[in-house]
Amino acid sequence: MSTLTVRKLVDDTKERLPIRAAQHGRSMEAEAREILRGSLASARPRGVGSRIHQRLVGLGLDEIRFPPRTELTRAADFEK
């Protein structure tokens, strides 16, 4: 485990942290760890598809119109 020092913490945040910690039955340090863990866990891509999606968001690719299929897909013929 490592140690993290947070400098220049806004007074409002410093006053609210012990209140939130008490509401969850944790120490201020444990509450800060949980806030960081939860925040970073929700921001982390889950899989390859999510990471690809994250890179392509905002490129306008959701506006691409694909032509409708005119024939059904066929199974591959491995006999040839």
PDB file of N, CA and C in Angstrom:
ATOM      1  N   MET A   1       0.842  -1.175   0.000  1.00  0.00           N
ATOM      2  CA  MET A   1       0.000   0.000   0.000  1.00  0.00           C
ATOM      3  C   MET A   1       0.887   1.239   0.000  1.00  0.00           C
ATOM      4  N   SER A   2       0.358   2.305  -0.557  1.00  0.00           N
ATOM      5  CA  SER A   2       1.103   3.551  -0.579  1.00  0.00           C
ATOM      6  C   SER A   2       0.311   4.647   0.127  1.00  0.00           C
ATOM      7  N   THR A   3       0.978   5.760   0.363  1.00  0.00           N
ATOM      8  CA  THR A   3       0.374   6.886   1.051  1.00  0.00           C
ATOM      9  C   THR A   3       0.149   8.017   0.067  1.00  0.00           C
ATOM     10  N   LEU A   4      -0.965   8.718   0.209  1.00  0.00           N
ATOM     11  CA  LEU A   4      -1.305   9.838  -0.653  1.00  0.00           C
ATOM     12  C   LEU A   4      -1.604  11.041   0.226  1.00  0.00           C
ATOM     13  N   THR A   5      -0.965  12.161  -0.065  1.00  0.00           N
ATOM     14  CA  THR A   5      -1.238  13.405   0.646  1.00  0.00           C
ATOM     15  C   THR A   5      -1.982  14.331  -0.296  1.00  0.00           C
ATOM     16  N   VAL A   6      -3.098  14.867   0.160  1.00  0.00           N
ATOM     17  CA  VAL A   6      -3.889  15.785  -0.656  1.00  0.00           C
ATOM     18  C   VAL A   6      -3.721  17.186  -0.083  1.00  0.00           C
ATOM     19  N   ARG A   7      -3.126  18.043  -0.877  1.00  0.00           N
ATOM     20  CA  ARG A   7      -2.926  19.421  -0.451  1.00  0.00           C
ATOM     21  C   ARG A   7      -3.995  20.321  -1.071  1.00  0.00           C
ATOM     22  N   LYS A   8      -4.176  21.478  -0.465  1.00  0.00           N
ATOM     23  CA  LYS A   8      -5.077  22.516  -0.978  1.00  0.00           C
ATOM     24  C   LYS A   8      -6.507  21.996  -1.156  1.00  0.00           C
ATOM     25  N   LEU A   9      -6.949  21.193  -0.206  1.00  0.00           N
ATOM     26  CA  LEU A   9      -8.313  20.680  -0.225  1.00  0.00           C
ATOM     27  C   LEU A   9      -9.272  21.817   0.133  1.00  0.00           C
ATOM     28  N   VAL A  10     -10.319  21.980  -0.638  1.00  0.00           N
ATOM     29  CA  VAL A  10     -11.300  23.035  -0.397  1.00  0.00           C
ATOM     30  C   VAL A  10     -11.935  22.810   0.980  1.00  0.00           C
ATOM     31  N   ASP A  11     -12.134  23.899   1.717  1.00  0.00           N
ATOM     32  CA  ASP A  11     -12.676  23.793   3.079  1.00  0.00           C
ATOM     33  C   ASP A  11     -13.999  23.040   3.126  1.00  0.00           C
ATOM     34  N   ASP A  12     -14.883  23.303   2.167  1.00  0.00           N
ATOM     35  CA  ASP A  12     -16.181  22.636   2.132  1.00  0.00           C
ATOM     36  C   ASP A  12     -16.012  21.120   2.031  1.00  0.00           C
ATOM     37  N   THR A  13     -15.091  20.690   1.195  1.00  0.00           N
ATOM     38  CA  THR A  13     -14.830  19.252   1.035  1.00  0.00           C
ATOM     39  C   THR A  13     -14.271  18.676   2.325  1.00  0.00           C
ATOM     40  N   LYS A  14     -13.362  19.410   2.939  1.00  0.00           N
ATOM     41  CA  LYS A  14     -12.746  18.954   4.189  1.00  0.00           C
ATOM     42  C   LYS A  14     -13.784  18.830   5.306  1.00  0.00           C
ATOM     43  N   GLU A  15     -14.771  19.711   5.307  1.00  0.00           N
ATOM     44  CA  GLU A  15     -15.820  19.659   6.328  1.00  0.00           C
ATOM     45  C   GLU A  15     -16.830  18.545   6.054  1.00  0.00           C
ATOM     46  N   ARG A  16     -17.082  18.250   4.787  1.00  0.00           N
ATOM     47  CA  ARG A  16     -18.095  17.248   4.435  1.00  0.00           C
ATOM     48  C   ARG A  16     -17.577  15.812   4.527  1.00  0.00           C
ATOM     49  N   LEU A  17     -16.272  15.618   4.369  1.00  0.00           N
ATOM     50  CA  LEU A  17     -15.713  14.258   4.383  1.00  0.00           C
ATOM     51  C   LEU A  17     -15.970  13.529   5.707  1.00  0.00           C
ATOM     52  N   PRO A  18     -15.717  14.133   6.864  1.00  0.00           N
ATOM     53  CA  PRO A  18     -15.994  13.388   8.104  1.00  0.00           C
ATOM     54  C   PRO A  18     -17.489  13.098   8.311  1.00  0.00           C
ATOM     55  N   ILE A  19     -18.342  13.976   7.804  1.00  0.00           N
ATOM     56  CA  ILE A  19     -19.790  13.736   7.920  1.00  0.00           C
ATOM     57  C   ILE A  19     -20.180  12.530   7.082  1.00  0.00           C
ATOM     58  N   ARG A  20     -19.694  12.507   5.847  1.00  0.00           N
ATOM     59  CA  ARG A  20     -20.006  11.367   4.966  1.00  0.00           C
ATOM     60  C   ARG A  20     -19.421  10.072   5.529  1.00  0.00           C
ATOM     61  N   ALA A  21     -18.214  10.155   6.064  1.00  0.00           N
ATOM     62  CA  ALA A  21     -17.575   8.971   6.653  1.00  0.00           C
ATOM     63  C   ALA A  21     -18.409   8.439   7.814  1.00  0.00           C
ATOM     64  N   ALA A  22     -18.882   9.337   8.664  1.00  0.00           N
ATOM     65  CA  ALA A  22     -19.696   8.916   9.814  1.00  0.00           C
ATOM     66  C   ALA A  22     -21.000   8.274   9.347  1.00  0.00           C
ATOM     67  N   GLN A  23     -21.594   8.815   8.287  1.00  0.00           N
ATOM     68  CA  GLN A  23     -22.840   8.251   7.768  1.00  0.00           C
ATOM     69  C   GLN A  23     -22.639   6.819   7.274  1.00  0.00           C
ATOM     70  N   HIS A  24     -21.436   6.514   6.791  1.00  0.00           N
ATOM     71  CA  HIS A  24     -21.148   5.169   6.285  1.00  0.00           C
ATOM     72  C   HIS A  24     -20.411   4.304   7.305  1.00  0.00           C
ATOM     73  N   GLY A  25     -20.202   4.839   8.504  1.00  0.00           N
ATOM     74  CA  GLY A  25     -19.541   4.069   9.556  1.00  0.00           C
ATOM     75  C   GLY A  25     -18.075   3.804   9.270  1.00  0.00           C
ATOM     76  N   ARG A  26     -17.414   4.751   8.621  1.00  0.00           N
ATOM     77  CA  ARG A  26     -15.998   4.587   8.272  1.00  0.00           C
ATOM     78  C   ARG A  26     -15.186   5.737   8.845  1.00  0.00           C
ATOM     79  N   SER A  27     -13.890   5.533   8.868  1.00  0.00           N
ATOM     80  CA  SER A  27     -12.987   6.636   9.193  1.00  0.00           C
ATOM     81  C   SER A  27     -12.899   7.551   7.968  1.00  0.00           C
ATOM     82  N   MET A  28     -12.385   8.762   8.161  1.00  0.00           N
ATOM     83  CA  MET A  28     -12.232   9.670   7.019  1.00  0.00           C
ATOM     84  C   MET A  28     -11.307   9.062   5.979  1.00  0.00           C
ATOM     85  N   GLU A  29     -10.267   8.417   6.430  1.00  0.00           N
ATOM     86  CA  GLU A  29      -9.301   7.796   5.511  1.00  0.00           C
ATOM     87  C   GLU A  29      -9.957   6.675   4.705  1.00  0.00           C
ATOM     88  N   ALA A  30     -10.743   5.838   5.375  1.00  0.00           N
ATOM     89  CA  ALA A  30     -11.431   4.744   4.684  1.00  0.00           C
ATOM     90  C   ALA A  30     -12.464   5.296   3.702  1.00  0.00           C
ATOM     91  N   GLU A  31     -13.145   6.367   4.096  1.00  0.00           N
ATOM     92  CA  GLU A  31     -14.138   6.974   3.205  1.00  0.00           C
ATOM     93  C   GLU A  31     -13.468   7.552   1.964  1.00  0.00           C
ATOM     94  N   ALA A  32     -12.332   8.223   2.150  1.00  0.00           N
ATOM     95  CA  ALA A  32     -11.595   8.784   1.010  1.00  0.00           C
ATOM     96  C   ALA A  32     -11.145   7.665   0.075  1.00  0.00           C
ATOM     97  N   ARG A  33     -10.676   6.547   0.641  1.00  0.00           N
ATOM     98  CA  ARG A  33     -10.280   5.405  -0.197  1.00  0.00           C
ATOM     99  C   ARG A  33     -11.457   4.879  -0.998  1.00  0.00           C
ATOM    100  N   GLU A  34     -12.618   4.764  -0.333  1.00  0.00           N
ATOM    101  CA  GLU A  34     -13.811   4.242  -1.009  1.00  0.00           C
ATOM    102  C   GLU A  34     -14.271   5.187  -2.116  1.00  0.00           C
ATOM    103  N   ILE A  35     -14.216   6.485  -1.870  1.00  0.00           N
ATOM    104  CA  ILE A  35     -14.601   7.466  -2.894  1.00  0.00           C
ATOM    105  C   ILE A  35     -13.678   7.342  -4.104  1.00  0.00           C
ATOM    106  N   LEU A  36     -12.387   7.267  -3.869  1.00  0.00           N
ATOM    107  CA  LEU A  36     -11.431   7.122  -4.980  1.00  0.00           C
ATOM    108  C   LEU A  36     -11.634   5.809  -5.725  1.00  0.00           C
ATOM    109  N   ARG A  37     -11.789   4.704  -4.956  1.00  0.00           N
ATOM    110  CA  ARG A  37     -11.964   3.400  -5.594  1.00  0.00           C
ATOM    111  C   ARG A  37     -13.220   3.390  -6.456  1.00  0.00           C
ATOM    112  N   GLY A  38     -14.332   3.871  -5.917  1.00  0.00           N
ATOM    113  CA  GLY A  38     -15.585   3.883  -6.657  1.00  0.00           C
ATOM    114  C   GLY A  38     -15.531   4.773  -7.884  1.00  0.00           C
ATOM    115  N   SER A  39     -14.923   5.913  -7.741  1.00  0.00           N
ATOM    116  CA  SER A  39     -14.828   6.849  -8.856  1.00  0.00           C
ATOM    117  C   SER A  39     -13.972   6.277  -9.983  1.00  0.00           C
ATOM    118  N   LEU A  40     -12.852   5.703  -9.637  1.00  0.00           N
ATOM    119  CA  LEU A  40     -11.960   5.158 -10.659  1.00  0.00           C
ATOM    120  C   LEU A  40     -12.489   3.863 -11.250  1.00  0.00           C
ATOM    121  N   ALA A  41     -13.194   3.081 -10.459  1.00  0.00           N
ATOM    122  CA  ALA A  41     -13.748   1.826 -10.977  1.00  0.00           C
ATOM    123  C   ALA A  41     -14.828   2.097 -12.009  1.00  0.00           C
ATOM    124  N   SER A  42     -15.651   3.118 -11.782  1.00  0.00           N
ATOM    125  CA  SER A  42     -16.718   3.398 -12.739  1.00  0.00           C
ATOM    126  C   SER A  42     -16.183   4.043 -14.010  1.00  0.00           C
ATOM    127  N   ALA A  43     -15.008   4.645 -13.947  1.00  0.00           N
ATOM    128  CA  ALA A  43     -14.424   5.302 -15.125  1.00  0.00           C
ATOM    129  C   ALA A  43     -13.603   4.337 -15.973  1.00  0.00           C
ATOM    130  N   ARG A  44     -13.311   3.169 -15.431  1.00  0.00           N
ATOM    131  CA  ARG A  44     -12.450   2.222 -16.128  1.00  0.00           C
ATOM    132  C   ARG A  44     -13.241   1.435 -17.176  1.00  0.00           C
ATOM    133  N   PRO A  45     -12.723   1.362 -18.413  1.00  0.00           N
ATOM    134  CA  PRO A  45     -13.392   0.537 -19.430  1.00  0.00           C
ATOM    135  C   PRO A  45     -13.432  -0.915 -18.989  1.00  0.00           C
ATOM    136  N   ARG A  46     -14.503  -1.590 -19.287  1.00  0.00           N
ATOM    137  CA  ARG A  46     -14.688  -2.971 -18.846  1.00  0.00           C
ATOM    138  C   ARG A  46     -14.024  -3.986 -19.770  1.00  0.00           C
ATOM    139  N   GLY A  47     -14.080  -3.777 -21.074  1.00  0.00           N
ATOM    140  CA  GLY A  47     -13.528  -4.754 -21.988  1.00  0.00           C
ATOM    141  C   GLY A  47     -13.066  -4.099 -23.270  1.00  0.00           C
ATOM    142  N   VAL A  48     -12.668  -4.913 -24.208  1.00  0.00           N
ATOM    143  CA  VAL A  48     -12.159  -4.420 -25.480  1.00  0.00           C
ATOM    144  C   VAL A  48     -13.218  -3.592 -26.204  1.00  0.00           C
ATOM    145  N   GLY A  49     -14.437  -4.066 -26.238  1.00  0.00           N
ATOM    146  CA  GLY A  49     -15.507  -3.335 -26.916  1.00  0.00           C
ATOM    147  C   GLY A  49     -15.726  -1.966 -26.304  1.00  0.00           C
ATOM    148  N   SER A  50     -15.682  -1.888 -24.975  1.00  0.00           N
ATOM    149  CA  SER A  50     -15.851  -0.606 -24.289  1.00  0.00           C
ATOM    150  C   SER A  50     -14.706   0.338 -24.600  1.00  0.00           C
ATOM    151  N   ARG A  51     -13.487  -0.200 -24.657  1.00  0.00           N
ATOM    152  CA  ARG A  51     -12.331   0.653 -24.971  1.00  0.00           C
ATOM    153  C   ARG A  51     -12.402   1.166 -26.401  1.00  0.00           C
ATOM    154  N   ILE A  52     -12.828   0.324 -27.339  1.00  0.00           N
ATOM    155  CA  ILE A  52     -12.990   0.762 -28.739  1.00  0.00           C
ATOM    156  C   ILE A  52     -14.069   1.829 -28.800  1.00  0.00           C
ATOM    157  N   HIS A  53     -15.186   1.589 -28.136  1.00  0.00           N
ATOM    158  CA  HIS A  53     -16.279   2.557 -28.128  1.00  0.00           C
ATOM    159  C   HIS A  53     -15.808   3.901 -27.574  1.00  0.00           C
ATOM    160  N   GLN A  54     -15.051   3.870 -26.488  1.00  0.00           N
ATOM    161  CA  GLN A  54     -14.570   5.088 -25.855  1.00  0.00           C
ATOM    162  C   GLN A  54     -13.677   5.895 -26.803  1.00  0.00           C
ATOM    163  N   ARG A  55     -12.876   5.216 -27.601  1.00  0.00           N
ATOM    164  CA  ARG A  55     -12.003   5.918 -28.555  1.00  0.00           C
ATOM    165  C   ARG A  55     -12.764   6.503 -29.727  1.00  0.00           C
ATOM    166  N   LEU A  56     -13.888   5.893 -30.100  1.00  0.00           N
ATOM    167  CA  LEU A  56     -14.620   6.322 -31.282  1.00  0.00           C
ATOM    168  C   LEU A  56     -15.767   7.285 -30.989  1.00  0.00           C
ATOM    169  N   VAL A  57     -16.111   7.465 -29.707  1.00  0.00           N
ATOM    170  CA  VAL A  57     -17.199   8.364 -29.342  1.00  0.00           C
ATOM    171  C   VAL A  57     -16.860   9.779 -29.819  1.00  0.00           C
ATOM    172  N   GLY A  58     -17.831  10.431 -30.397  1.00  0.00           N
ATOM    173  CA  GLY A  58     -17.640  11.808 -30.827  1.00  0.00           C
ATOM    174  C   GLY A  58     -17.130  11.969 -32.248  1.00  0.00           C
ATOM    175  N   LEU A  59     -16.890  10.864 -32.946  1.00  0.00           N
ATOM    176  CA  LEU A  59     -16.403  10.943 -34.319  1.00  0.00           C
ATOM    177  C   LEU A  59     -17.547  10.983 -35.331  1.00  0.00           C
ATOM    178  N   GLY A  60     -18.782  10.909 -34.861  1.00  0.00           N
ATOM    179  CA  GLY A  60     -19.929  10.957 -35.749  1.00  0.00           C
ATOM    180  C   GLY A  60     -20.237   9.629 -36.409  1.00  0.00           C
ATOM    181  N   LEU A  61     -19.647   8.558 -35.928  1.00  0.00           N
ATOM    182  CA  LEU A  61     -19.863   7.248 -36.545  1.00  0.00           C
ATOM    183  C   LEU A  61     -21.270   6.717 -36.299  1.00  0.00           C
ATOM    184  N   ASP A  62     -21.936   7.234 -35.271  1.00  0.00           N
ATOM    185  CA  ASP A  62     -23.302   6.773 -35.008  1.00  0.00           C
ATOM    186  C   ASP A  62     -24.285   7.325 -36.032  1.00  0.00           C
ATOM    187  N   GLU A  63     -23.823   8.254 -36.852  1.00  0.00           N
ATOM    188  CA  GLU A  63     -24.683   8.836 -37.886  1.00  0.00           C
ATOM    189  C   GLU A  63     -24.553   8.127 -39.234  1.00  0.00           C
ATOM    190  N   ILE A  64     -23.665   7.155 -39.327  1.00  0.00           N
ATOM    191  CA  ILE A  64     -23.477   6.426 -40.580  1.00  0.00           C
ATOM    192  C   ILE A  64     -24.704   5.570 -40.854  1.00  0.00           C
ATOM    193  N   ARG A  65     -25.222   5.642 -42.054  1.00  0.00           N
ATOM    194  CA  ARG A  65     -26.378   4.839 -42.450  1.00  0.00           C
ATOM    195  C   ARG A  65     -25.886   3.675 -43.302  1.00  0.00           C
ATOM    196  N   PHE A  66     -26.114   2.469 -42.829  1.00  0.00           N
ATOM    197  CA  PHE A  66     -25.720   1.284 -43.565  1.00  0.00           C
ATOM    198  C   PHE A  66     -26.872   0.849 -44.463  1.00  0.00           C
ATOM    199  N   PRO A  67     -26.556   0.412 -45.679  1.00  0.00           N
ATOM    200  CA  PRO A  67     -27.637  -0.038 -46.572  1.00  0.00           C
ATOM    201  C   PRO A  67     -28.266  -1.316 -46.030  1.00  0.00           C
ATOM    202  N   PRO A  68     -29.546  -1.496 -46.274  1.00  0.00           N
ATOM    203  CA  PRO A  68     -30.209  -2.718 -45.789  1.00  0.00           C
ATOM    204  C   PRO A  68     -29.665  -3.945 -46.533  1.00  0.00           C
ATOM    205  N   ARG A  69     -29.668  -5.061 -45.863  1.00  0.00           N
ATOM    206  CA  ARG A  69     -29.227  -6.303 -46.503  1.00  0.00           C
ATOM    207  C   ARG A  69     -30.265  -6.746 -47.507  1.00  0.00           C
ATOM    208  N   THR A  70     -29.789  -7.206 -48.660  1.00  0.00           N
ATOM    209  CA  THR A  70     -30.718  -7.655 -49.695  1.00  0.00           C
ATOM    210  C   THR A  70     -30.822  -9.178 -49.749  1.00  0.00           C
ATOM    211  N   GLU A  71     -29.866  -9.853 -49.148  1.00  0.00           N
ATOM    212  CA  GLU A  71     -29.937 -11.318 -49.131  1.00  0.00           C
ATOM    213  C   GLU A  71     -29.560 -11.820 -47.749  1.00  0.00           C
ATOM    214  N   LEU A  72     -29.992 -13.021 -47.438  1.00  0.00           N
ATOM    215  CA  LEU A  72     -29.694 -13.617 -46.147  1.00  0.00           C
ATOM    216  C   LEU A  72     -28.249 -14.086 -46.107  1.00  0.00           C
ATOM    217  N   THR A  73     -27.679 -14.109 -44.939  1.00  0.00           N
ATOM    218  CA  THR A  73     -26.315 -14.624 -44.804  1.00  0.00           C
ATOM    219  C   THR A  73     -26.323 -16.126 -45.017  1.00  0.00           C
ATOM    220  N   ARG A  74     -25.212 -16.611 -45.546  1.00  0.00           N
ATOM    221  CA  ARG A  74     -25.087 -18.054 -45.802  1.00  0.00           C
ATOM    222  C   ARG A  74     -23.971 -18.614 -44.932  1.00  0.00           C
ATOM    223  N   ALA A  75     -24.120 -19.853 -44.581  1.00  0.00           N
ATOM    224  CA  ALA A  75     -23.067 -20.527 -43.829  1.00  0.00           C
ATOM    225  C   ALA A  75     -21.864 -20.758 -44.755  1.00  0.00           C
ATOM    226  N   ALA A  76     -20.675 -20.758 -44.172  1.00  0.00           N
ATOM    227  CA  ALA A  76     -19.484 -20.972 -44.965  1.00  0.00           C
ATOM    228  C   ALA A  76     -19.471 -22.394 -45.513  1.00  0.00           C
ATOM    229  N   ASP A  77     -18.984 -22.532 -46.736  1.00  0.00           N
ATOM    230  CA  ASP A  77     -18.882 -23.840 -47.388  1.00  0.00           C
ATOM    231  C   ASP A  77     -17.423 -24.283 -47.294  1.00  0.00           C
ATOM    232  N   PHE A  78     -17.140 -25.233 -46.408  1.00  0.00           N
ATOM    233  CA  PHE A  78     -15.767 -25.690 -46.189  1.00  0.00           C
ATOM    234  C   PHE A  78     -15.393 -26.885 -47.080  1.00  0.00           C
ATOM    235  N   GLU A  79     -16.286 -27.312 -47.917  1.00  0.00           N
ATOM    236  CA  GLU A  79     -16.039 -28.474 -48.768  1.00  0.00           C
ATOM    237  C   GLU A  79     -15.205 -28.087 -49.991  1.00  0.00           C
ATOM    238  N   LYS A  80     -15.166 -26.858 -50.371  1.00  0.00           N
ATOM    239  CA  LYS A  80     -14.429 -26.457 -51.582  1.00  0.00           C
ATOM    240  C   LYS A  80     -12.980 -26.269 -51.314  1.00  0.00           C
TER     241      LYS A  80
END
